Amino acid sequence: MARTPLSLTMLSPLPMYLDGANSGSTLAPRPATLDGKVLGLLPNWRPSAVHILKSVGALLEERYRLKAVVLEQPVRELPIRTGKLLDTMRELLDGFAQRVDVAITATGD
């Protein structure tokens, strides 16, 4: 019995991917390689995000000669007195950005 090739079509609800849009946004430049870079992994509050990022980090360590991999555990409960959640995390995120060359974030549940 002949097997039919499997086909997969992926669609995005976005009219254009953010890194392909020319909207004047200031996305960080992408390095040509990850060799010698510090890779930052930043999960959201969902437990599966940590597992997803650890797996991605391990795969990237196999492929590239990373200087280090940093997994930042976000604070689960932040007192929000004023402003938005990101305002309360600004110092944590700024410190993370200064310690890594490249960052990957994930959500998972």
C-alpha atoms as a PDB file:
ATOM      1  CA  MET A   1       0.000   0.000   0.000  1.00  0.00           C
ATOM      2  CA  ALA A   2       1.445   3.364  -1.041  1.00  0.00           C
ATOM      3  CA  ARG A   3       1.731   6.017   1.636  1.00  0.00           C
ATOM      4  CA  THR A   4       0.540   9.525   0.984  1.00  0.00           C
ATOM      5  CA  PRO A   5       3.087  12.204   1.931  1.00  0.00           C
ATOM      6  CA  LEU A   6       2.133  14.185   4.998  1.00  0.00           C
ATOM      7  CA  SER A   7       1.521  17.887   4.477  1.00  0.00           C
ATOM      8  CA  LEU A   8       1.316  20.624   7.085  1.00  0.00           C
ATOM      9  CA  THR A   9       0.195  24.199   6.563  1.00  0.00           C
ATOM     10  CA  MET A  10       0.809  26.744   9.311  1.00  0.00           C
ATOM     11  CA  LEU A  11      -1.106  29.998   9.416  1.00  0.00           C
ATOM     12  CA  SER A  12      -0.485  33.076  11.518  1.00  0.00           C
ATOM     13  CA  PRO A  13      -3.291  35.372  12.631  1.00  0.00           C
ATOM     14  CA  LEU A  14      -0.832  38.275  12.288  1.00  0.00           C
ATOM     15  CA  PRO A  15      -0.772  40.121   8.976  1.00  0.00           C
ATOM     16  CA  MET A  16       3.059  40.112   9.175  1.00  0.00           C
ATOM     17  CA  TYR A  17       5.560  38.688  11.614  1.00  0.00           C
ATOM     18  CA  LEU A  18       6.907  41.345  13.961  1.00  0.00           C
ATOM     19  CA  ASP A  19      10.528  40.843  12.923  1.00  0.00           C
ATOM     20  CA  GLY A  20       9.545  41.223   9.281  1.00  0.00           C
ATOM     21  CA  ALA A  21       7.552  44.402   9.754  1.00  0.00           C
ATOM     22  CA  ASN A  22       9.192  47.716   8.975  1.00  0.00           C
ATOM     23  CA  SER A  23       7.338  49.765  11.540  1.00  0.00           C
ATOM     24  CA  GLY A  24      10.366  51.551  12.953  1.00  0.00           C
ATOM     25  CA  SER A  25      10.406  49.328  16.043  1.00  0.00           C
ATOM     26  CA  THR A  26      13.741  48.796  17.694  1.00  0.00           C
ATOM     27  CA  LEU A  27      14.188  45.039  17.784  1.00  0.00           C
ATOM     28  CA  ALA A  28      17.639  43.996  18.896  1.00  0.00           C
ATOM     29  CA  PRO A  29      19.934  42.881  16.076  1.00  0.00           C
ATOM     30  CA  ARG A  30      20.273  39.128  15.753  1.00  0.00           C
ATOM     31  CA  PRO A  31      23.754  37.633  16.083  1.00  0.00           C
ATOM     32  CA  ALA A  32      25.170  35.624  13.193  1.00  0.00           C
ATOM     33  CA  THR A  33      25.924  32.755  15.607  1.00  0.00           C
ATOM     34  CA  LEU A  34      25.333  31.798  19.215  1.00  0.00           C
ATOM     35  CA  ASP A  35      28.925  30.583  19.655  1.00  0.00           C
ATOM     36  CA  GLY A  36      30.478  32.303  22.678  1.00  0.00           C
ATOM     37  CA  LYS A  37      27.174  33.932  23.684  1.00  0.00           C
ATOM     38  CA  VAL A  38      25.338  33.859  27.010  1.00  0.00           C
ATOM     39  CA  LEU A  39      21.861  32.469  26.344  1.00  0.00           C
ATOM     40  CA  GLY A  40      19.090  33.731  28.607  1.00  0.00           C
ATOM     41  CA  LEU A  41      15.940  31.705  29.131  1.00  0.00           C
ATOM     42  CA  LEU A  42      12.943  33.550  30.564  1.00  0.00           C
ATOM     43  CA  PRO A  43       9.798  31.491  31.251  1.00  0.00           C
ATOM     44  CA  ASN A  44       6.450  32.904  32.237  1.00  0.00           C
ATOM     45  CA  TRP A  45       4.719  31.733  35.407  1.00  0.00           C
ATOM     46  CA  ARG A  46       3.481  28.469  33.908  1.00  0.00           C
ATOM     47  CA  PRO A  47       5.373  25.298  34.935  1.00  0.00           C
ATOM     48  CA  SER A  48       5.564  23.908  31.396  1.00  0.00           C
ATOM     49  CA  ALA A  49       7.416  26.993  30.176  1.00  0.00           C
ATOM     50  CA  VAL A  50      10.406  26.029  32.336  1.00  0.00           C
ATOM     51  CA  HIS A  51      10.471  22.526  30.800  1.00  0.00           C
ATOM     52  CA  ILE A  52      10.122  23.922  27.280  1.00  0.00           C
ATOM     53  CA  LEU A  53      12.975  26.382  27.738  1.00  0.00           C
ATOM     54  CA  LYS A  54      15.271  23.861  29.422  1.00  0.00           C
ATOM     55  CA  SER A  55      14.787  21.578  26.408  1.00  0.00           C
ATOM     56  CA  VAL A  56      15.441  24.417  23.953  1.00  0.00           C
ATOM     57  CA  GLY A  57      18.526  25.436  25.942  1.00  0.00           C
ATOM     58  CA  ALA A  58      19.869  21.861  25.906  1.00  0.00           C
ATOM     59  CA  LEU A  59      19.375  21.611  22.132  1.00  0.00           C
ATOM     60  CA  LEU A  60      21.143  24.918  21.567  1.00  0.00           C
ATOM     61  CA  GLU A  61      24.028  23.807  23.809  1.00  0.00           C
ATOM     62  CA  GLU A  62      24.446  20.751  21.565  1.00  0.00           C
ATOM     63  CA  ARG A  63      24.484  22.880  18.411  1.00  0.00           C
ATOM     64  CA  TYR A  64      26.545  25.884  19.565  1.00  0.00           C
ATOM     65  CA  ARG A  65      29.461  26.554  21.915  1.00  0.00           C
ATOM     66  CA  LEU A  66      27.531  28.734  24.340  1.00  0.00           C
ATOM     67  CA  LYS A  67      29.469  30.618  26.983  1.00  0.00           C
ATOM     68  CA  ALA A  68      26.645  30.021  29.483  1.00  0.00           C
ATOM     69  CA  VAL A  69      22.921  29.398  29.805  1.00  0.00           C
ATOM     70  CA  VAL A  70      20.995  31.497  32.336  1.00  0.00           C
ATOM     71  CA  LEU A  71      17.487  30.448  33.347  1.00  0.00           C
ATOM     72  CA  GLU A  72      15.766  33.327  35.107  1.00  0.00           C
ATOM     73  CA  GLN A  73      13.016  32.185  37.426  1.00  0.00           C
ATOM     74  CA  PRO A  74      10.435  34.959  37.491  1.00  0.00           C
ATOM     75  CA  VAL A  75       8.990  35.961  40.807  1.00  0.00           C
ATOM     76  CA  ARG A  76       5.629  34.253  41.202  1.00  0.00           C
ATOM     77  CA  GLU A  77       3.938  36.933  43.254  1.00  0.00           C
ATOM     78  CA  LEU A  78       4.871  40.571  42.990  1.00  0.00           C
ATOM     79  CA  PRO A  79       3.172  43.239  45.048  1.00  0.00           C
ATOM     80  CA  ILE A  80       1.636  45.638  42.556  1.00  0.00           C
ATOM     81  CA  ARG A  81       1.196  48.901  44.380  1.00  0.00           C
ATOM     82  CA  THR A  82       1.083  51.190  41.375  1.00  0.00           C
ATOM     83  CA  GLY A  83       1.444  50.870  37.625  1.00  0.00           C
ATOM     84  CA  LYS A  84       1.488  47.646  35.662  1.00  0.00           C
ATOM     85  CA  LEU A  85       3.059  44.244  36.317  1.00  0.00           C
ATOM     86  CA  LEU A  86       5.969  45.018  33.977  1.00  0.00           C
ATOM     87  CA  ASP A  87       6.707  48.164  35.973  1.00  0.00           C
ATOM     88  CA  THR A  88       7.282  46.014  39.062  1.00  0.00           C
ATOM     89  CA  MET A  89       9.551  43.651  37.091  1.00  0.00           C
ATOM     90  CA  ARG A  90      11.557  46.341  35.298  1.00  0.00           C
ATOM     91  CA  GLU A  91      14.636  46.043  37.541  1.00  0.00           C
ATOM     92  CA  LEU A  92      14.640  42.234  37.285  1.00  0.00           C
ATOM     93  CA  LEU A  93      14.280  42.319  33.494  1.00  0.00           C
ATOM     94  CA  ASP A  94      16.888  45.051  33.049  1.00  0.00           C
ATOM     95  CA  GLY A  95      19.378  43.042  35.119  1.00  0.00           C
ATOM     96  CA  PHE A  96      18.600  39.923  33.099  1.00  0.00           C
ATOM     97  CA  ALA A  97      19.119  41.799  29.821  1.00  0.00           C
ATOM     98  CA  GLN A  98      22.522  43.030  31.013  1.00  0.00           C
ATOM     99  CA  ARG A  99      23.692  39.489  31.888  1.00  0.00           C
ATOM    100  CA  VAL A 100      22.764  37.787  28.600  1.00  0.00           C
ATOM    101  CA  ASP A 101      23.586  38.264  24.924  1.00  0.00           C
ATOM    102  CA  VAL A 102      20.480  36.534  23.566  1.00  0.00           C
ATOM    103  CA  ALA A 103      17.167  35.834  25.304  1.00  0.00           C
ATOM    104  CA  ILE A 104      14.390  33.370  24.577  1.00  0.00           C
ATOM    105  CA  THR A 105      11.072  33.514  26.356  1.00  0.00           C
ATOM    106  CA  ALA A 106       8.225  31.019  26.431  1.00  0.00           C
ATOM    107  CA  THR A 107       4.768  30.484  27.755  1.00  0.00           C
ATOM    108  CA  GLY A 108       3.516  27.058  28.611  1.00  0.00           C
ATOM    109  CA  ASP A 109       0.732  25.285  30.414  1.00  0.00           C
END
